Amino acid sequence: MGTTRESPQSIIGRLKALTTGKNKKDGVVVPADNVLSATTSARLDAGFTNYSNGIAAIRLAKTTYHSKVELARPERVLMKNNITGFYDSLNGLITRGKVPASARGYYGLAITNKKMPKMDTDVELLLAAETVLSGDILRVAAGGIAMSGPTIAEYTIVYDLAKPAIIAISNAHTAWNTATKNLKLQIPEIKDLITHIWDEAEAHYSMNTPTERRVECRLWGVRYVSTGVLSVVTGTVKDEAGVVIAGVKVRIIGSSNSTLTDALGHFSLNTSLYGDLEIEASHINYEKTITDFVKEDGVAMAVEVVMAHV
């Protein structure tokens, strides 16, 4: 059996370590009781502020993105229907001999069939919408008849409303990615800062017994993992709306064992680890989630995991 110090592996885990250390430092009444050096104390103040602001920026950008997605949903559907209606009308005219089949070529479509363009993504949807406009200018300029149901004017009204809403989604997603990248740039400094805090705390309590030292150091945010008696960790994985998620890969960080949640979102893992543990949950349709929890030696426990949609 052994005990090791375990650095947090998640955004929230690092923030929790910083918050615990800062709260302890700020709560010290007698300066001599501050186990941190002046340099590390100053770094902690700055690092906590910068990291907290970085996380807040990600949350805001993520919320904005999902809001833009919801706002653009009607316009997106309307534009897709408009494109489909335009090509249905074109194909109808071709069938009746009013327009030659070669006219499909102006829109980048196969001349020999009635297949629609791909519109599965926002990029494909905007490209398909813009191709209708540019292709129709070429077709009419070559002597083609004006379309109806919709007319190009009616089509353009829908396009002009939908395009900004869809572009806003792209811009919001870019802002989310930028906020995420900016936070990642902080990680080396934050990891090093946490290491210094923990090193100084352990050095300050080095004359205590190992058990006493861990108790004191935990108050400064230090995390410890030990190996003991085998026991079980169970739980359920849900989304933010409380709906259970099947097929999520779940593992306790530091252990090689993993499992998949069943149809009810349940999981069960045997482990001999105890102390300050973290469960990692991953699924293709959700953001990878790391949930921290404290476990006693040999005691079974349940952990609830909440995952956010990508």
C-alpha atoms as a PDB file:
ATOM      1  CA  MET A   1       0.000   0.000   0.000  1.00  0.00           C
ATOM      2  CA  GLY A   2       1.247   3.511  -0.831  1.00  0.00           C
ATOM      3  CA  THR A   3       0.178   7.129  -1.026  1.00  0.00           C
ATOM      4  CA  THR A   4       1.055   9.523  -3.824  1.00  0.00           C
ATOM      5  CA  ARG A   5       0.314  13.134  -4.604  1.00  0.00           C
ATOM      6  CA  GLU A   6      -1.994  13.437  -7.635  1.00  0.00           C
ATOM      7  CA  SER A   7      -2.239  16.627  -9.683  1.00  0.00           C
ATOM      8  CA  PRO A   8      -5.752  17.446 -10.955  1.00  0.00           C
ATOM      9  CA  GLN A   9      -6.320  16.520 -14.606  1.00  0.00           C
ATOM     10  CA  SER A  10      -9.354  18.678 -15.345  1.00  0.00           C
ATOM     11  CA  ILE A  11     -10.132  22.373 -15.710  1.00  0.00           C
ATOM     12  CA  ILE A  12     -12.433  22.280 -12.689  1.00  0.00           C
ATOM     13  CA  GLY A  13      -9.967  20.164 -10.718  1.00  0.00           C
ATOM     14  CA  ARG A  14      -7.216  22.763 -11.203  1.00  0.00           C
ATOM     15  CA  LEU A  15      -9.606  25.584 -10.311  1.00  0.00           C
ATOM     16  CA  LYS A  16     -10.601  23.725  -7.161  1.00  0.00           C
ATOM     17  CA  ALA A  17      -6.932  23.316  -6.178  1.00  0.00           C
ATOM     18  CA  LEU A  18      -6.294  27.024  -6.757  1.00  0.00           C
ATOM     19  CA  THR A  19      -9.479  28.044  -4.919  1.00  0.00           C
ATOM     20  CA  THR A  20      -8.652  25.880  -1.902  1.00  0.00           C
ATOM     21  CA  GLY A  21      -5.116  27.238  -1.729  1.00  0.00           C
ATOM     22  CA  LYS A  22      -6.207  30.854  -2.144  1.00  0.00           C
ATOM     23  CA  ASN A  23      -9.009  30.594   0.409  1.00  0.00           C
ATOM     24  CA  LYS A  24      -6.578  29.108   2.905  1.00  0.00           C
ATOM     25  CA  LYS A  25      -3.961  31.805   2.206  1.00  0.00           C
ATOM     26  CA  ASP A  26      -6.481  34.641   2.371  1.00  0.00           C
ATOM     27  CA  GLY A  27      -7.877  33.277   5.625  1.00  0.00           C
ATOM     28  CA  VAL A  28      -4.538  33.331   7.410  1.00  0.00           C
ATOM     29  CA  VAL A  29      -4.648  35.835  10.282  1.00  0.00           C
ATOM     30  CA  VAL A  30      -1.009  35.692  11.375  1.00  0.00           C
ATOM     31  CA  PRO A  31       1.408  36.187   8.434  1.00  0.00           C
ATOM     32  CA  ALA A  32       3.737  33.564   9.877  1.00  0.00           C
ATOM     33  CA  ASP A  33       0.992  30.982   9.376  1.00  0.00           C
ATOM     34  CA  ASN A  34       1.099  31.469   5.606  1.00  0.00           C
ATOM     35  CA  VAL A  35       3.080  28.452   4.404  1.00  0.00           C
ATOM     36  CA  LEU A  36       3.592  30.052   0.979  1.00  0.00           C
ATOM     37  CA  SER A  37       6.468  32.302  -0.002  1.00  0.00           C
ATOM     38  CA  ALA A  38       5.731  35.884  -1.051  1.00  0.00           C
ATOM     39  CA  THR A  39       6.461  34.967  -4.665  1.00  0.00           C
ATOM     40  CA  THR A  40       4.121  31.974  -4.675  1.00  0.00           C
ATOM     41  CA  SER A  41       1.425  33.942  -2.854  1.00  0.00           C
ATOM     42  CA  ALA A  42       1.540  36.649  -5.543  1.00  0.00           C
ATOM     43  CA  ARG A  43       1.499  34.030  -8.299  1.00  0.00           C
ATOM     44  CA  LEU A  44      -1.504  32.381  -6.661  1.00  0.00           C
ATOM     45  CA  ASP A  45      -3.469  35.647  -6.604  1.00  0.00           C
ATOM     46  CA  ALA A  46      -2.727  36.357 -10.266  1.00  0.00           C
ATOM     47  CA  GLY A  47      -3.129  32.756 -11.405  1.00  0.00           C
ATOM     48  CA  PHE A  48      -6.455  32.322  -9.643  1.00  0.00           C
ATOM     49  CA  THR A  49      -7.844  35.511 -11.225  1.00  0.00           C
ATOM     50  CA  ASN A  50      -6.589  34.703 -14.716  1.00  0.00           C
ATOM     51  CA  TYR A  51      -7.703  31.084 -14.636  1.00  0.00           C
ATOM     52  CA  SER A  52     -11.130  31.939 -13.200  1.00  0.00           C
ATOM     53  CA  ASN A  53     -11.645  34.585 -15.879  1.00  0.00           C
ATOM     54  CA  GLY A  54     -10.552  32.118 -18.551  1.00  0.00           C
ATOM     55  CA  ILE A  55     -13.102  29.548 -17.403  1.00  0.00           C
ATOM     56  CA  ALA A  56     -15.813  32.227 -17.259  1.00  0.00           C
ATOM     57  CA  ALA A  57     -14.944  33.247 -20.833  1.00  0.00           C
ATOM     58  CA  ILE A  58     -15.398  29.658 -22.019  1.00  0.00           C
ATOM     59  CA  ARG A  59     -18.750  29.335 -20.255  1.00  0.00           C
ATOM     60  CA  LEU A  60     -19.986  32.603 -21.769  1.00  0.00           C
ATOM     61  CA  ALA A  61     -18.786  31.650 -25.259  1.00  0.00           C
ATOM     62  CA  LYS A  62     -20.357  28.205 -24.989  1.00  0.00           C
ATOM     63  CA  THR A  63     -23.685  29.642 -23.821  1.00  0.00           C
ATOM     64  CA  THR A  64     -23.627  32.212 -26.619  1.00  0.00           C
ATOM     65  CA  TYR A  65     -22.913  29.515 -29.192  1.00  0.00           C
ATOM     66  CA  HIS A  66     -25.829  27.324 -28.114  1.00  0.00           C
ATOM     67  CA  SER A  67     -28.068  30.390 -28.009  1.00  0.00           C
ATOM     68  CA  LYS A  68     -27.121  31.265 -31.598  1.00  0.00           C
ATOM     69  CA  VAL A  69     -27.798  27.682 -32.664  1.00  0.00           C
ATOM     70  CA  GLU A  70     -31.300  27.837 -31.195  1.00  0.00           C
ATOM     71  CA  LEU A  71     -32.026  31.261 -32.692  1.00  0.00           C
ATOM     72  CA  ALA A  72     -30.895  30.150 -36.153  1.00  0.00           C
ATOM     73  CA  ARG A  73     -32.834  26.887 -36.151  1.00  0.00           C
ATOM     74  CA  PRO A  74     -36.013  28.268 -37.861  1.00  0.00           C
ATOM     75  CA  GLU A  75     -34.009  30.245 -40.430  1.00  0.00           C
ATOM     76  CA  ARG A  76     -31.833  27.241 -41.171  1.00  0.00           C
ATOM     77  CA  VAL A  77     -34.866  25.016 -41.775  1.00  0.00           C
ATOM     78  CA  LEU A  78     -36.567  27.703 -43.877  1.00  0.00           C
ATOM     79  CA  MET A  79     -33.509  28.195 -46.064  1.00  0.00           C
ATOM     80  CA  LYS A  80     -33.051  24.477 -46.586  1.00  0.00           C
ATOM     81  CA  ASN A  81     -36.719  24.163 -47.546  1.00  0.00           C
ATOM     82  CA  ASN A  82     -36.319  27.149 -49.857  1.00  0.00           C
ATOM     83  CA  ILE A  83     -33.372  25.541 -51.643  1.00  0.00           C
ATOM     84  CA  THR A  84     -35.263  22.273 -51.947  1.00  0.00           C
ATOM     85  CA  GLY A  85     -38.340  24.099 -53.245  1.00  0.00           C
ATOM     86  CA  PHE A  86     -36.267  25.953 -55.828  1.00  0.00           C
ATOM     87  CA  TYR A  87     -34.723  22.764 -57.185  1.00  0.00           C
ATOM     88  CA  ASP A  88     -38.060  20.928 -57.103  1.00  0.00           C
ATOM     89  CA  SER A  89     -39.484  23.738 -59.221  1.00  0.00           C
ATOM     90  CA  LEU A  90     -36.491  23.588 -61.565  1.00  0.00           C
ATOM     91  CA  ASN A  91     -36.774  19.821 -61.939  1.00  0.00           C
ATOM     92  CA  GLY A  92     -40.497  20.178 -62.601  1.00  0.00           C
ATOM     93  CA  LEU A  93     -39.802  22.622 -65.427  1.00  0.00           C
ATOM     94  CA  ILE A  94     -37.188  20.248 -66.815  1.00  0.00           C
ATOM     95  CA  THR A  95     -39.667  17.365 -66.722  1.00  0.00           C
ATOM     96  CA  ARG A  96     -42.247  19.460 -68.606  1.00  0.00           C
ATOM     97  CA  GLY A  97     -39.692  20.507 -71.195  1.00  0.00           C
ATOM     98  CA  LYS A  98     -39.739  24.182 -70.178  1.00  0.00           C
ATOM     99  CA  VAL A  99     -36.093  24.141 -69.146  1.00  0.00           C
ATOM    100  CA  PRO A 100     -33.316  21.890 -70.570  1.00  0.00           C
ATOM    101  CA  ALA A 101     -31.743  19.318 -68.229  1.00  0.00           C
ATOM    102  CA  SER A 102     -28.378  20.935 -68.873  1.00  0.00           C
ATOM    103  CA  ALA A 103     -29.584  23.891 -66.766  1.00  0.00           C
ATOM    104  CA  ARG A 104     -28.758  21.876 -63.660  1.00  0.00           C
ATOM    105  CA  GLY A 105     -25.113  22.428 -64.533  1.00  0.00           C
ATOM    106  CA  TYR A 106     -25.397  26.124 -63.666  1.00  0.00           C
ATOM    107  CA  TYR A 107     -25.967  25.075 -60.053  1.00  0.00           C
ATOM    108  CA  GLY A 108     -23.208  22.476 -59.923  1.00  0.00           C
ATOM    109  CA  LEU A 109     -25.741  19.620 -60.032  1.00  0.00           C
ATOM    110  CA  ALA A 110     -25.570  16.395 -61.993  1.00  0.00           C
ATOM    111  CA  ILE A 111     -27.339  16.871 -65.323  1.00  0.00           C
ATOM    112  CA  THR A 112     -28.546  13.266 -65.480  1.00  0.00           C
ATOM    113  CA  ASN A 113     -30.474  13.089 -62.179  1.00  0.00           C
ATOM    114  CA  LYS A 114     -32.538  15.126 -59.719  1.00  0.00           C
ATOM    115  CA  LYS A 115     -30.290  14.812 -56.676  1.00  0.00           C
ATOM    116  CA  MET A 116     -30.150  17.757 -54.318  1.00  0.00           C
ATOM    117  CA  PRO A 117     -26.854  19.303 -53.155  1.00  0.00           C
ATOM    118  CA  LYS A 118     -25.456  18.253 -49.765  1.00  0.00           C
ATOM    119  CA  MET A 119     -26.834  20.425 -46.969  1.00  0.00           C
ATOM    120  CA  ASP A 120     -25.860  18.472 -43.849  1.00  0.00           C
ATOM    121  CA  THR A 121     -23.636  21.181 -42.353  1.00  0.00           C
ATOM    122  CA  ASP A 122     -23.920  24.960 -42.112  1.00  0.00           C
ATOM    123  CA  VAL A 123     -21.011  25.332 -44.549  1.00  0.00           C
ATOM    124  CA  GLU A 124     -22.741  23.071 -47.083  1.00  0.00           C
ATOM    125  CA  LEU A 125     -26.069  24.827 -46.531  1.00  0.00           C
ATOM    126  CA  LEU A 126     -24.636  28.303 -47.155  1.00  0.00           C
ATOM    127  CA  LEU A 127     -22.723  27.072 -50.193  1.00  0.00           C
ATOM    128  CA  ALA A 128     -25.887  25.485 -51.619  1.00  0.00           C
ATOM    129  CA  ALA A 129     -27.862  28.688 -50.977  1.00  0.00           C
ATOM    130  CA  GLU A 130     -25.247  30.918 -52.605  1.00  0.00           C
ATOM    131  CA  THR A 131     -24.941  28.563 -55.578  1.00  0.00           C
ATOM    132  CA  VAL A 132     -28.663  29.015 -56.301  1.00  0.00           C
ATOM    133  CA  LEU A 133     -28.157  32.779 -56.537  1.00  0.00           C
ATOM    134  CA  SER A 134     -24.985  32.743 -58.610  1.00  0.00           C
ATOM    135  CA  GLY A 135     -26.202  29.853 -60.800  1.00  0.00           C
ATOM    136  CA  ASP A 136     -29.535  31.495 -61.551  1.00  0.00           C
ATOM    137  CA  ILE A 137     -27.836  34.690 -62.741  1.00  0.00           C
ATOM    138  CA  LEU A 138     -25.847  32.634 -65.253  1.00  0.00           C
ATOM    139  CA  ARG A 139     -28.880  30.578 -66.339  1.00  0.00           C
ATOM    140  CA  VAL A 140     -31.131  33.600 -66.927  1.00  0.00           C
ATOM    141  CA  ALA A 141     -28.310  35.505 -68.662  1.00  0.00           C
ATOM    142  CA  ALA A 142     -28.035  32.564 -71.063  1.00  0.00           C
ATOM    143  CA  GLY A 143     -31.733  32.970 -71.959  1.00  0.00           C
ATOM    144  CA  GLY A 144     -33.395  30.805 -69.323  1.00  0.00           C
ATOM    145  CA  ILE A 145     -36.905  31.609 -68.077  1.00  0.00           C
ATOM    146  CA  ALA A 146     -37.491  33.206 -64.682  1.00  0.00           C
ATOM    147  CA  MET A 147     -38.258  30.800 -61.848  1.00  0.00           C
ATOM    148  CA  SER A 148     -41.356  30.840 -59.662  1.00  0.00           C
ATOM    149  CA  GLY A 149     -42.335  29.005 -56.478  1.00  0.00           C
ATOM    150  CA  PRO A 150     -40.120  30.565 -55.169  1.00  0.00           C
ATOM    151  CA  THR A 151     -39.127  33.426 -57.391  1.00  0.00           C
ATOM    152  CA  ILE A 152     -35.500  34.464 -57.083  1.00  0.00           C
ATOM    153  CA  ALA A 153     -36.682  37.625 -55.261  1.00  0.00           C
ATOM    154  CA  GLU A 154     -38.636  35.538 -52.728  1.00  0.00           C
ATOM    155  CA  TYR A 155     -35.668  33.209 -52.397  1.00  0.00           C
ATOM    156  CA  THR A 156     -33.305  36.134 -51.757  1.00  0.00           C
ATOM    157  CA  ILE A 157     -35.473  37.457 -48.901  1.00  0.00           C
ATOM    158  CA  VAL A 158     -35.152  34.121 -47.064  1.00  0.00           C
ATOM    159  CA  TYR A 159     -31.443  33.948 -47.843  1.00  0.00           C
ATOM    160  CA  ASP A 160     -30.787  37.468 -46.530  1.00  0.00           C
ATOM    161  CA  LEU A 161     -32.503  36.601 -43.233  1.00  0.00           C
ATOM    162  CA  ALA A 162     -30.901  33.191 -42.759  1.00  0.00           C
ATOM    163  CA  LYS A 163     -27.302  33.933 -43.730  1.00  0.00           C
ATOM    164  CA  PRO A 164     -26.469  36.318 -40.831  1.00  0.00           C
ATOM    165  CA  ALA A 165     -28.029  33.931 -38.313  1.00  0.00           C
ATOM    166  CA  ILE A 166     -25.967  31.019 -39.612  1.00  0.00           C
ATOM    167  CA  ILE A 167     -22.767  33.060 -39.805  1.00  0.00           C
ATOM    168  CA  ALA A 168     -23.389  34.135 -36.195  1.00  0.00           C
ATOM    169  CA  ILE A 169     -23.192  30.452 -35.224  1.00  0.00           C
ATOM    170  CA  SER A 170     -19.803  30.144 -36.893  1.00  0.00           C
ATOM    171  CA  ASN A 171     -18.528  33.300 -35.209  1.00  0.00           C
ATOM    172  CA  ALA A 172     -19.795  32.128 -31.816  1.00  0.00           C
ATOM    173  CA  HIS A 173     -18.107  28.755 -32.295  1.00  0.00           C
ATOM    174  CA  THR A 174     -14.857  30.511 -33.202  1.00  0.00           C
ATOM    175  CA  ALA A 175     -15.122  32.601 -30.027  1.00  0.00           C
ATOM    176  CA  TRP A 176     -15.654  29.409 -28.012  1.00  0.00           C
ATOM    177  CA  ASN A 177     -12.586  27.798 -29.591  1.00  0.00           C
ATOM    178  CA  THR A 178     -10.528  30.931 -28.948  1.00  0.00           C
ATOM    179  CA  ALA A 179     -11.543  31.042 -25.274  1.00  0.00           C
ATOM    180  CA  THR A 180     -10.675  27.344 -24.940  1.00  0.00           C
ATOM    181  CA  LYS A 181      -7.252  27.838 -26.575  1.00  0.00           C
ATOM    182  CA  ASN A 182      -6.533  30.844 -24.358  1.00  0.00           C
ATOM    183  CA  LEU A 183      -7.239  28.783 -21.256  1.00  0.00           C
ATOM    184  CA  LYS A 184      -5.003  25.968 -22.518  1.00  0.00           C
ATOM    185  CA  LEU A 185      -2.154  28.472 -22.836  1.00  0.00           C
ATOM    186  CA  GLN A 186      -2.435  29.028 -19.075  1.00  0.00           C
ATOM    187  CA  ILE A 187      -2.143  25.356 -18.172  1.00  0.00           C
ATOM    188  CA  PRO A 188       1.696  25.125 -17.951  1.00  0.00           C
ATOM    189  CA  GLU A 189       1.800  28.100 -15.556  1.00  0.00           C
ATOM    190  CA  ILE A 190      -1.137  26.786 -13.516  1.00  0.00           C
ATOM    191  CA  LYS A 191       0.368  23.306 -13.218  1.00  0.00           C
ATOM    192  CA  ASP A 192       3.699  24.777 -12.114  1.00  0.00           C
ATOM    193  CA  LEU A 193       1.937  27.092  -9.658  1.00  0.00           C
ATOM    194  CA  ILE A 194      -0.002  24.215  -8.097  1.00  0.00           C
ATOM    195  CA  THR A 195       3.230  22.227  -7.783  1.00  0.00           C
ATOM    196  CA  HIS A 196       4.919  25.132  -5.945  1.00  0.00           C
ATOM    197  CA  ILE A 197       1.956  25.540  -3.586  1.00  0.00           C
ATOM    198  CA  TRP A 198       1.956  21.854  -2.771  1.00  0.00           C
ATOM    199  CA  ASP A 199       5.738  21.653  -2.394  1.00  0.00           C
ATOM    200  CA  GLU A 200       5.803  24.595   0.009  1.00  0.00           C
ATOM    201  CA  ALA A 201       2.900  23.227   2.029  1.00  0.00           C
ATOM    202  CA  GLU A 202       4.523  19.811   2.383  1.00  0.00           C
ATOM    203  CA  ALA A 203       7.876  21.395   3.265  1.00  0.00           C
ATOM    204  CA  HIS A 204       6.218  23.487   5.978  1.00  0.00           C
ATOM    205  CA  TYR A 205       4.646  20.405   7.579  1.00  0.00           C
ATOM    206  CA  SER A 206       7.591  18.066   6.926  1.00  0.00           C
ATOM    207  CA  MET A 207       8.182  17.440  10.643  1.00  0.00           C
ATOM    208  CA  ASN A 208       4.619  16.164  11.160  1.00  0.00           C
ATOM    209  CA  THR A 209       3.697  12.504  10.830  1.00  0.00           C
ATOM    210  CA  PRO A 210       2.671  11.489   7.264  1.00  0.00           C
ATOM    211  CA  THR A 211      -0.988  11.346   8.283  1.00  0.00           C
ATOM    212  CA  GLU A 212      -0.901  14.718  10.030  1.00  0.00           C
ATOM    213  CA  ARG A 213       1.000  16.249   7.126  1.00  0.00           C
ATOM    214  CA  ARG A 214      -1.616  15.089   4.604  1.00  0.00           C
ATOM    215  CA  VAL A 215      -4.429  16.468   6.767  1.00  0.00           C
ATOM    216  CA  GLU A 216      -2.790  19.907   6.918  1.00  0.00           C
ATOM    217  CA  CYS A 217      -1.729  19.949   3.276  1.00  0.00           C
ATOM    218  CA  ARG A 218      -5.193  19.033   2.028  1.00  0.00           C
ATOM    219  CA  LEU A 219      -6.311  22.360   3.509  1.00  0.00           C
ATOM    220  CA  TRP A 220      -3.966  23.997   0.976  1.00  0.00           C
ATOM    221  CA  GLY A 221      -5.457  22.009  -1.905  1.00  0.00           C
ATOM    222  CA  VAL A 222      -3.039  19.094  -2.042  1.00  0.00           C
ATOM    223  CA  ARG A 223      -4.620  15.890  -3.360  1.00  0.00           C
ATOM    224  CA  TYR A 224      -3.522  12.419  -2.254  1.00  0.00           C
ATOM    225  CA  VAL A 225      -4.341   8.999  -3.663  1.00  0.00           C
ATOM    226  CA  SER A 226      -3.647   5.798  -1.772  1.00  0.00           C
ATOM    227  CA  THR A 227      -3.893   2.086  -2.523  1.00  0.00           C
ATOM    228  CA  GLY A 228      -5.876  -0.046  -0.121  1.00  0.00           C
ATOM    229  CA  VAL A 229      -8.712  -2.556  -0.003  1.00  0.00           C
ATOM    230  CA  LEU A 230     -10.626  -3.387  -3.182  1.00  0.00           C
ATOM    231  CA  SER A 231     -14.127  -1.897  -3.299  1.00  0.00           C
ATOM    232  CA  VAL A 232     -16.681  -0.733  -5.859  1.00  0.00           C
ATOM    233  CA  VAL A 233     -17.555   2.696  -7.243  1.00  0.00           C
ATOM    234  CA  THR A 234     -20.954   2.875  -8.923  1.00  0.00           C
ATOM    235  CA  GLY A 235     -22.880   5.715 -10.446  1.00  0.00           C
ATOM    236  CA  THR A 236     -25.000   7.115 -13.245  1.00  0.00           C
ATOM    237  CA  VAL A 237     -24.053   9.343 -16.167  1.00  0.00           C
ATOM    238  CA  LYS A 238     -26.619  11.929 -17.274  1.00  0.00           C
ATOM    239  CA  ASP A 239     -26.731  14.961 -19.521  1.00  0.00           C
ATOM    240  CA  GLU A 240     -27.455  18.491 -18.282  1.00  0.00           C
ATOM    241  CA  ALA A 241     -31.195  17.866 -18.657  1.00  0.00           C
ATOM    242  CA  GLY A 242     -31.025  14.776 -16.438  1.00  0.00           C
ATOM    243  CA  VAL A 243     -31.366  12.248 -19.289  1.00  0.00           C
ATOM    244  CA  VAL A 244     -29.255   9.116 -18.786  1.00  0.00           C
ATOM    245  CA  ILE A 245     -26.510   8.413 -21.327  1.00  0.00           C
ATOM    246  CA  ALA A 246     -25.677   4.897 -22.502  1.00  0.00           C
ATOM    247  CA  GLY A 247     -22.340   3.844 -23.979  1.00  0.00           C
ATOM    248  CA  VAL A 248     -20.179   6.299 -22.032  1.00  0.00           C
ATOM    249  CA  LYS A 249     -16.623   5.113 -21.361  1.00  0.00           C
ATOM    250  CA  VAL A 250     -15.912   5.570 -17.666  1.00  0.00           C
ATOM    251  CA  ARG A 251     -12.649   5.102 -15.785  1.00  0.00           C
ATOM    252  CA  ILE A 252     -11.027   6.187 -12.547  1.00  0.00           C
ATOM    253  CA  ILE A 253      -7.903   8.196 -13.361  1.00  0.00           C
ATOM    254  CA  GLY A 254      -4.868   6.275 -12.165  1.00  0.00           C
ATOM    255  CA  SER A 255      -6.526   2.926 -12.829  1.00  0.00           C
ATOM    256  CA  SER A 256      -6.349   0.864 -16.022  1.00  0.00           C
ATOM    257  CA  ASN A 257      -9.901  -0.439 -15.564  1.00  0.00           C
ATOM    258  CA  SER A 258     -12.715   1.096 -17.611  1.00  0.00           C
ATOM    259  CA  THR A 259     -16.320   0.252 -18.434  1.00  0.00           C
ATOM    260  CA  LEU A 260     -19.266   1.454 -20.527  1.00  0.00           C
ATOM    261  CA  THR A 261     -22.537   2.710 -19.073  1.00  0.00           C
ATOM    262  CA  ASP A 262     -25.550   0.482 -19.688  1.00  0.00           C
ATOM    263  CA  ALA A 263     -28.925   1.469 -21.164  1.00  0.00           C
ATOM    264  CA  LEU A 264     -29.847   3.188 -17.892  1.00  0.00           C
ATOM    265  CA  GLY A 265     -26.576   5.141 -17.739  1.00  0.00           C
ATOM    266  CA  HIS A 266     -25.259   3.016 -14.875  1.00  0.00           C
ATOM    267  CA  PHE A 267     -21.637   2.015 -14.376  1.00  0.00           C
ATOM    268  CA  SER A 268     -19.678  -0.032 -11.865  1.00  0.00           C
ATOM    269  CA  LEU A 269     -15.900  -0.040 -11.328  1.00  0.00           C
ATOM    270  CA  ASN A 270     -13.801  -2.039  -8.887  1.00  0.00           C
ATOM    271  CA  THR A 271     -10.817  -0.166  -7.471  1.00  0.00           C
ATOM    272  CA  SER A 272      -8.304  -0.354  -4.679  1.00  0.00           C
ATOM    273  CA  LEU A 273      -7.619   3.376  -4.919  1.00  0.00           C
ATOM    274  CA  TYR A 274      -8.957   5.779  -2.325  1.00  0.00           C
ATOM    275  CA  GLY A 275      -8.487   9.388  -1.321  1.00  0.00           C
ATOM    276  CA  ASP A 276      -8.878  12.306  -3.763  1.00  0.00           C
ATOM    277  CA  LEU A 277     -10.026  10.538  -6.924  1.00  0.00           C
ATOM    278  CA  GLU A 278     -11.284  11.582 -10.359  1.00  0.00           C
ATOM    279  CA  ILE A 279     -13.645   9.803 -12.768  1.00  0.00           C
ATOM    280  CA  GLU A 280     -13.169  10.455 -16.483  1.00  0.00           C
ATOM    281  CA  ALA A 281     -16.217  10.044 -18.752  1.00  0.00           C
ATOM    282  CA  SER A 282     -16.006  10.224 -22.556  1.00  0.00           C
ATOM    283  CA  HIS A 283     -18.551   9.888 -25.368  1.00  0.00           C
ATOM    284  CA  ILE A 284     -18.411  11.015 -29.002  1.00  0.00           C
ATOM    285  CA  ASN A 285     -21.491  13.252 -28.638  1.00  0.00           C
ATOM    286  CA  TYR A 286     -20.472  14.891 -25.348  1.00  0.00           C
ATOM    287  CA  GLU A 287     -17.605  16.897 -23.930  1.00  0.00           C
ATOM    288  CA  LYS A 288     -15.142  14.773 -21.975  1.00  0.00           C
ATOM    289  CA  THR A 289     -15.920  15.195 -18.299  1.00  0.00           C
ATOM    290  CA  ILE A 290     -13.742  14.683 -15.229  1.00  0.00           C
ATOM    291  CA  THR A 291     -15.568  14.499 -11.897  1.00  0.00           C
ATOM    292  CA  ASP A 292     -13.618  14.560  -8.637  1.00  0.00           C
ATOM    293  CA  PHE A 293     -14.714  12.807  -5.452  1.00  0.00           C
ATOM    294  CA  VAL A 294     -13.269  11.674  -2.137  1.00  0.00           C
ATOM    295  CA  LYS A 295     -13.358   7.981  -1.274  1.00  0.00           C
ATOM    296  CA  GLU A 296     -12.517   6.144   1.927  1.00  0.00           C
ATOM    297  CA  ASP A 297     -10.480   2.951   1.970  1.00  0.00           C
ATOM    298  CA  GLY A 298     -12.543  -0.153   1.223  1.00  0.00           C
ATOM    299  CA  VAL A 299     -15.855   1.712   1.289  1.00  0.00           C
ATOM    300  CA  ALA A 300     -18.250   1.378  -1.658  1.00  0.00           C
ATOM    301  CA  MET A 301     -19.733   4.611  -2.929  1.00  0.00           C
ATOM    302  CA  ALA A 302     -21.814   6.141  -5.733  1.00  0.00           C
ATOM    303  CA  VAL A 303     -20.779   9.068  -7.961  1.00  0.00           C
ATOM    304  CA  GLU A 304     -23.076  11.036 -10.242  1.00  0.00           C
ATOM    305  CA  VAL A 305     -21.545  12.286 -13.507  1.00  0.00           C
ATOM    306  CA  VAL A 306     -23.053  15.044 -15.644  1.00  0.00           C
ATOM    307  CA  MET A 307     -21.921  15.523 -19.250  1.00  0.00           C
ATOM    308  CA  ALA A 308     -22.537  18.438 -21.610  1.00  0.00           C
ATOM    309  CA  HIS A 309     -23.366  18.040 -25.299  1.00  0.00           C
ATOM    310  CA  VAL A 310     -20.628  18.924 -27.753  1.00  0.00           C
END
